[in-house]
Amino acid sequence: MSVCIQDLAKPETFSLYAQSYFEDPYSYCREFLANLPVFYNPQEKCFIVSRYDDVKRVLEDYQTFGSGFGVLPLRKDDPEDYGFIL
């Protein structure tokens, strides 16, 4: 399976939880690197940053790029279901 930019013509519809992403994440990553290095995904309520230098800058400058919300659980399950306590 391969992903082409037409599949990502509407990046706002992309989901990190889509079956196609799980089946072949590398094709998506190649497209992100080449054509969508940074984009906002309203469905997931996050920015997706794919290029190393951009990711490094975001991680190093948390005051500029931090949301203030921290990391939220992916689901509303009991945290013990994940094998750790939040």
N, C-alpha and C. Protein backbone atom coordinates (compact mmCIF):
# COMPACT_ATOMS: atom_id res chain seq x y z
N MET A 1 0.85 -1.18 0.00
CA MET A 1 0.00 0.00 0.00
C MET A 1 0.88 1.23 0.00
N SER A 2 0.51 2.21 -0.77
CA SER A 2 1.23 3.48 -0.71
C SER A 2 0.22 4.61 -0.64
N VAL A 3 0.68 5.69 -0.08
CA VAL A 3 -0.17 6.86 0.10
C VAL A 3 0.32 7.92 -0.86
N CYS A 4 -0.58 8.59 -1.53
CA CYS A 4 -0.18 9.70 -2.37
C CYS A 4 -0.77 10.98 -1.81
N ILE A 5 -0.27 12.09 -2.27
CA ILE A 5 -0.71 13.38 -1.72
C ILE A 5 -2.20 13.59 -1.91
N GLN A 6 -2.80 12.98 -2.91
CA GLN A 6 -4.25 13.13 -3.08
C GLN A 6 -4.99 12.55 -1.88
N ASP A 7 -4.44 11.50 -1.26
CA ASP A 7 -5.06 10.93 -0.06
C ASP A 7 -5.01 11.91 1.10
N LEU A 8 -4.07 12.84 1.05
CA LEU A 8 -3.90 13.81 2.12
C LEU A 8 -4.29 15.21 1.67
N ALA A 9 -5.09 15.30 0.62
CA ALA A 9 -5.52 16.60 0.11
C ALA A 9 -6.28 17.39 1.17
N LYS A 10 -6.92 16.70 2.07
CA LYS A 10 -7.61 17.33 3.18
C LYS A 10 -6.96 16.83 4.47
N PRO A 11 -5.83 17.41 4.86
CA PRO A 11 -5.13 16.90 6.04
C PRO A 11 -5.97 16.96 7.31
N GLU A 12 -6.99 17.83 7.31
CA GLU A 12 -7.84 17.91 8.50
C GLU A 12 -8.65 16.65 8.73
N THR A 13 -8.73 15.78 7.71
CA THR A 13 -9.46 14.53 7.88
C THR A 13 -8.55 13.36 8.25
N PHE A 14 -7.25 13.60 8.27
CA PHE A 14 -6.29 12.55 8.63
C PHE A 14 -6.47 12.16 10.09
N SER A 15 -6.39 10.88 10.38
CA SER A 15 -6.48 10.40 11.75
C SER A 15 -5.30 9.50 12.06
N LEU A 16 -4.68 9.76 13.19
CA LEU A 16 -3.59 8.90 13.66
C LEU A 16 -4.09 7.51 14.02
N TYR A 17 -5.41 7.35 14.10
CA TYR A 17 -6.00 6.08 14.51
C TYR A 17 -6.65 5.34 13.34
N ALA A 18 -6.47 5.85 12.12
CA ALA A 18 -7.06 5.21 10.95
C ALA A 18 -6.33 3.89 10.66
N GLN A 19 -7.08 2.90 10.22
CA GLN A 19 -6.50 1.60 9.91
C GLN A 19 -5.41 1.72 8.84
N SER A 20 -5.62 2.57 7.84
CA SER A 20 -4.63 2.71 6.77
C SER A 20 -3.31 3.25 7.30
N TYR A 21 -3.37 4.12 8.31
CA TYR A 21 -2.14 4.65 8.92
C TYR A 21 -1.41 3.54 9.68
N PHE A 22 -2.15 2.72 10.42
CA PHE A 22 -1.53 1.62 11.15
C PHE A 22 -0.91 0.59 10.21
N GLU A 23 -1.54 0.37 9.07
CA GLU A 23 -1.05 -0.63 8.13
C GLU A 23 0.23 -0.18 7.43
N ASP A 24 0.38 1.12 7.19
CA ASP A 24 1.56 1.60 6.47
C ASP A 24 1.91 3.03 6.88
N PRO A 25 2.38 3.24 8.10
CA PRO A 25 2.68 4.60 8.56
C PRO A 25 3.82 5.26 7.79
N TYR A 26 4.72 4.45 7.25
CA TYR A 26 5.89 5.02 6.56
C TYR A 26 5.51 5.77 5.29
N SER A 27 4.50 5.29 4.59
CA SER A 27 4.05 6.02 3.39
C SER A 27 3.50 7.38 3.78
N TYR A 28 2.74 7.42 4.86
CA TYR A 28 2.23 8.70 5.34
C TYR A 28 3.38 9.61 5.75
N CYS A 29 4.33 9.06 6.48
CA CYS A 29 5.48 9.87 6.94
C CYS A 29 6.25 10.45 5.76
N ARG A 30 6.45 9.67 4.72
CA ARG A 30 7.14 10.19 3.52
C ARG A 30 6.37 11.36 2.91
N GLU A 31 5.05 11.24 2.83
CA GLU A 31 4.23 12.33 2.29
C GLU A 31 4.26 13.56 3.19
N PHE A 32 4.20 13.34 4.50
CA PHE A 32 4.29 14.48 5.42
C PHE A 32 5.62 15.20 5.23
N LEU A 33 6.70 14.45 5.20
CA LEU A 33 8.03 15.07 5.05
C LEU A 33 8.13 15.87 3.75
N ALA A 34 7.61 15.31 2.68
CA ALA A 34 7.74 15.95 1.37
C ALA A 34 6.76 17.09 1.15
N ASN A 35 5.53 16.96 1.67
CA ASN A 35 4.48 17.89 1.27
C ASN A 35 3.73 18.59 2.41
N LEU A 36 3.74 18.01 3.59
CA LEU A 36 3.02 18.59 4.73
C LEU A 36 3.89 18.51 5.99
N PRO A 37 4.99 19.25 6.02
CA PRO A 37 5.90 19.11 7.16
C PRO A 37 5.29 19.53 8.50
N VAL A 38 4.35 20.48 8.47
CA VAL A 38 3.65 20.92 9.68
C VAL A 38 2.21 21.23 9.29
N PHE A 39 1.27 20.64 10.00
CA PHE A 39 -0.12 21.00 9.75
C PHE A 39 -0.95 20.77 11.00
N TYR A 40 -2.03 21.53 11.09
CA TYR A 40 -2.96 21.39 12.21
C TYR A 40 -4.05 20.41 11.84
N ASN A 41 -4.32 19.50 12.74
CA ASN A 41 -5.36 18.51 12.52
C ASN A 41 -6.48 18.75 13.54
N PRO A 42 -7.58 19.39 13.12
CA PRO A 42 -8.66 19.69 14.06
C PRO A 42 -9.35 18.44 14.60
N GLN A 43 -9.33 17.36 13.85
CA GLN A 43 -9.95 16.11 14.31
C GLN A 43 -9.23 15.61 15.56
N GLU A 44 -7.90 15.68 15.55
CA GLU A 44 -7.11 15.21 16.69
C GLU A 44 -6.77 16.36 17.65
N LYS A 45 -7.06 17.59 17.24
CA LYS A 45 -6.78 18.80 18.02
C LYS A 45 -5.29 18.92 18.34
N CYS A 46 -4.48 18.76 17.29
CA CYS A 46 -3.04 18.86 17.49
C CYS A 46 -2.36 19.26 16.19
N PHE A 47 -1.14 19.73 16.33
CA PHE A 47 -0.29 19.95 15.17
C PHE A 47 0.51 18.69 14.94
N ILE A 48 0.71 18.34 13.70
CA ILE A 48 1.57 17.22 13.34
C ILE A 48 2.81 17.83 12.70
N VAL A 49 3.94 17.53 13.28
CA VAL A 49 5.23 18.07 12.86
C VAL A 49 6.09 16.88 12.46
N SER A 50 6.62 16.88 11.23
CA SER A 50 7.30 15.67 10.75
C SER A 50 8.80 15.82 10.52
N ARG A 51 9.29 17.00 10.27
CA ARG A 51 10.72 17.15 9.96
C ARG A 51 11.54 17.25 11.24
N TYR A 52 12.67 16.56 11.24
CA TYR A 52 13.52 16.46 12.42
C TYR A 52 13.83 17.82 13.04
N ASP A 53 14.32 18.75 12.23
CA ASP A 53 14.71 20.07 12.76
C ASP A 53 13.51 20.80 13.37
N ASP A 54 12.34 20.65 12.77
CA ASP A 54 11.13 21.27 13.31
C ASP A 54 10.73 20.62 14.63
N VAL A 55 10.77 19.29 14.67
CA VAL A 55 10.43 18.56 15.89
C VAL A 55 11.40 18.95 17.00
N LYS A 56 12.67 19.02 16.67
CA LYS A 56 13.69 19.40 17.66
C LYS A 56 13.41 20.79 18.23
N ARG A 57 13.09 21.72 17.35
CA ARG A 57 12.81 23.09 17.81
C ARG A 57 11.58 23.12 18.72
N VAL A 58 10.53 22.41 18.34
CA VAL A 58 9.32 22.36 19.15
C VAL A 58 9.62 21.78 20.53
N LEU A 59 10.38 20.71 20.57
CA LEU A 59 10.68 20.08 21.85
C LEU A 59 11.60 20.94 22.72
N GLU A 60 12.48 21.68 22.10
CA GLU A 60 13.41 22.52 22.86
C GLU A 60 12.77 23.82 23.35
N ASP A 61 11.73 24.29 22.66
CA ASP A 61 11.11 25.57 23.00
C ASP A 61 9.67 25.35 23.47
N TYR A 62 9.53 24.69 24.61
CA TYR A 62 8.20 24.36 25.10
C TYR A 62 7.38 25.59 25.46
N GLN A 63 8.05 26.71 25.79
CA GLN A 63 7.29 27.92 26.15
C GLN A 63 6.55 28.50 24.95
N THR A 64 7.15 28.40 23.78
CA THR A 64 6.50 28.89 22.57
C THR A 64 5.48 27.88 22.04
N PHE A 65 5.86 26.61 22.05
CA PHE A 65 5.05 25.59 21.38
C PHE A 65 4.19 24.75 22.30
N GLY A 66 4.30 24.92 23.59
CA GLY A 66 3.51 24.11 24.52
C GLY A 66 2.06 24.53 24.53
N SER A 67 1.18 23.56 24.68
CA SER A 67 -0.25 23.86 24.71
C SER A 67 -0.72 24.26 26.10
N GLY A 68 0.03 23.86 27.10
CA GLY A 68 -0.41 24.10 28.46
C GLY A 68 -1.35 23.03 28.97
N PHE A 69 -1.73 22.10 28.11
CA PHE A 69 -2.65 21.04 28.50
C PHE A 69 -1.94 19.76 28.90
N GLY A 70 -0.66 19.65 28.62
CA GLY A 70 0.06 18.42 28.93
C GLY A 70 -0.37 17.30 28.01
N VAL A 71 -0.10 16.10 28.41
CA VAL A 71 -0.46 14.93 27.62
C VAL A 71 -1.76 14.37 28.18
N LEU A 72 -2.74 14.22 27.32
CA LEU A 72 -4.04 13.71 27.75
C LEU A 72 -4.17 12.24 27.35
N PRO A 73 -4.90 11.45 28.12
CA PRO A 73 -5.12 10.05 27.73
C PRO A 73 -5.82 9.97 26.38
N LEU A 74 -5.53 8.93 25.64
CA LEU A 74 -6.15 8.75 24.33
C LEU A 74 -7.62 8.38 24.45
N ARG A 75 -7.96 7.67 25.51
CA ARG A 75 -9.34 7.25 25.71
C ARG A 75 -9.73 7.56 27.14
N LYS A 76 -10.99 7.39 27.44
CA LYS A 76 -11.49 7.68 28.78
C LYS A 76 -11.46 6.44 29.67
N ASP A 77 -10.70 5.44 29.28
CA ASP A 77 -10.59 4.23 30.09
C ASP A 77 -9.89 4.54 31.41
N ASP A 78 -9.99 3.64 32.30
CA ASP A 78 -9.25 3.74 33.56
C ASP A 78 -7.76 3.70 33.23
N PRO A 79 -6.95 4.64 33.78
CA PRO A 79 -5.51 4.65 33.50
C PRO A 79 -4.83 3.33 33.79
N GLU A 80 -5.37 2.55 34.72
CA GLU A 80 -4.76 1.25 35.02
C GLU A 80 -4.86 0.30 33.82
N ASP A 81 -5.80 0.55 32.92
CA ASP A 81 -5.90 -0.26 31.72
C ASP A 81 -4.66 -0.15 30.84
N TYR A 82 -3.93 0.96 30.99
CA TYR A 82 -2.73 1.18 30.20
C TYR A 82 -1.50 0.57 30.85
N GLY A 83 -1.62 0.11 32.08
CA GLY A 83 -0.48 -0.45 32.77
C GLY A 83 0.33 0.58 33.53
N PHE A 84 -0.19 1.79 33.65
CA PHE A 84 0.49 2.83 34.41
C PHE A 84 -0.53 3.79 34.98
N ILE A 85 -0.12 4.57 35.93
CA ILE A 85 -1.00 5.56 36.56
C ILE A 85 -0.62 6.93 36.03
N LEU A 86 -1.61 7.70 35.59
CA LEU A 86 -1.34 9.06 35.11
C LEU A 86 -1.24 10.01 36.26
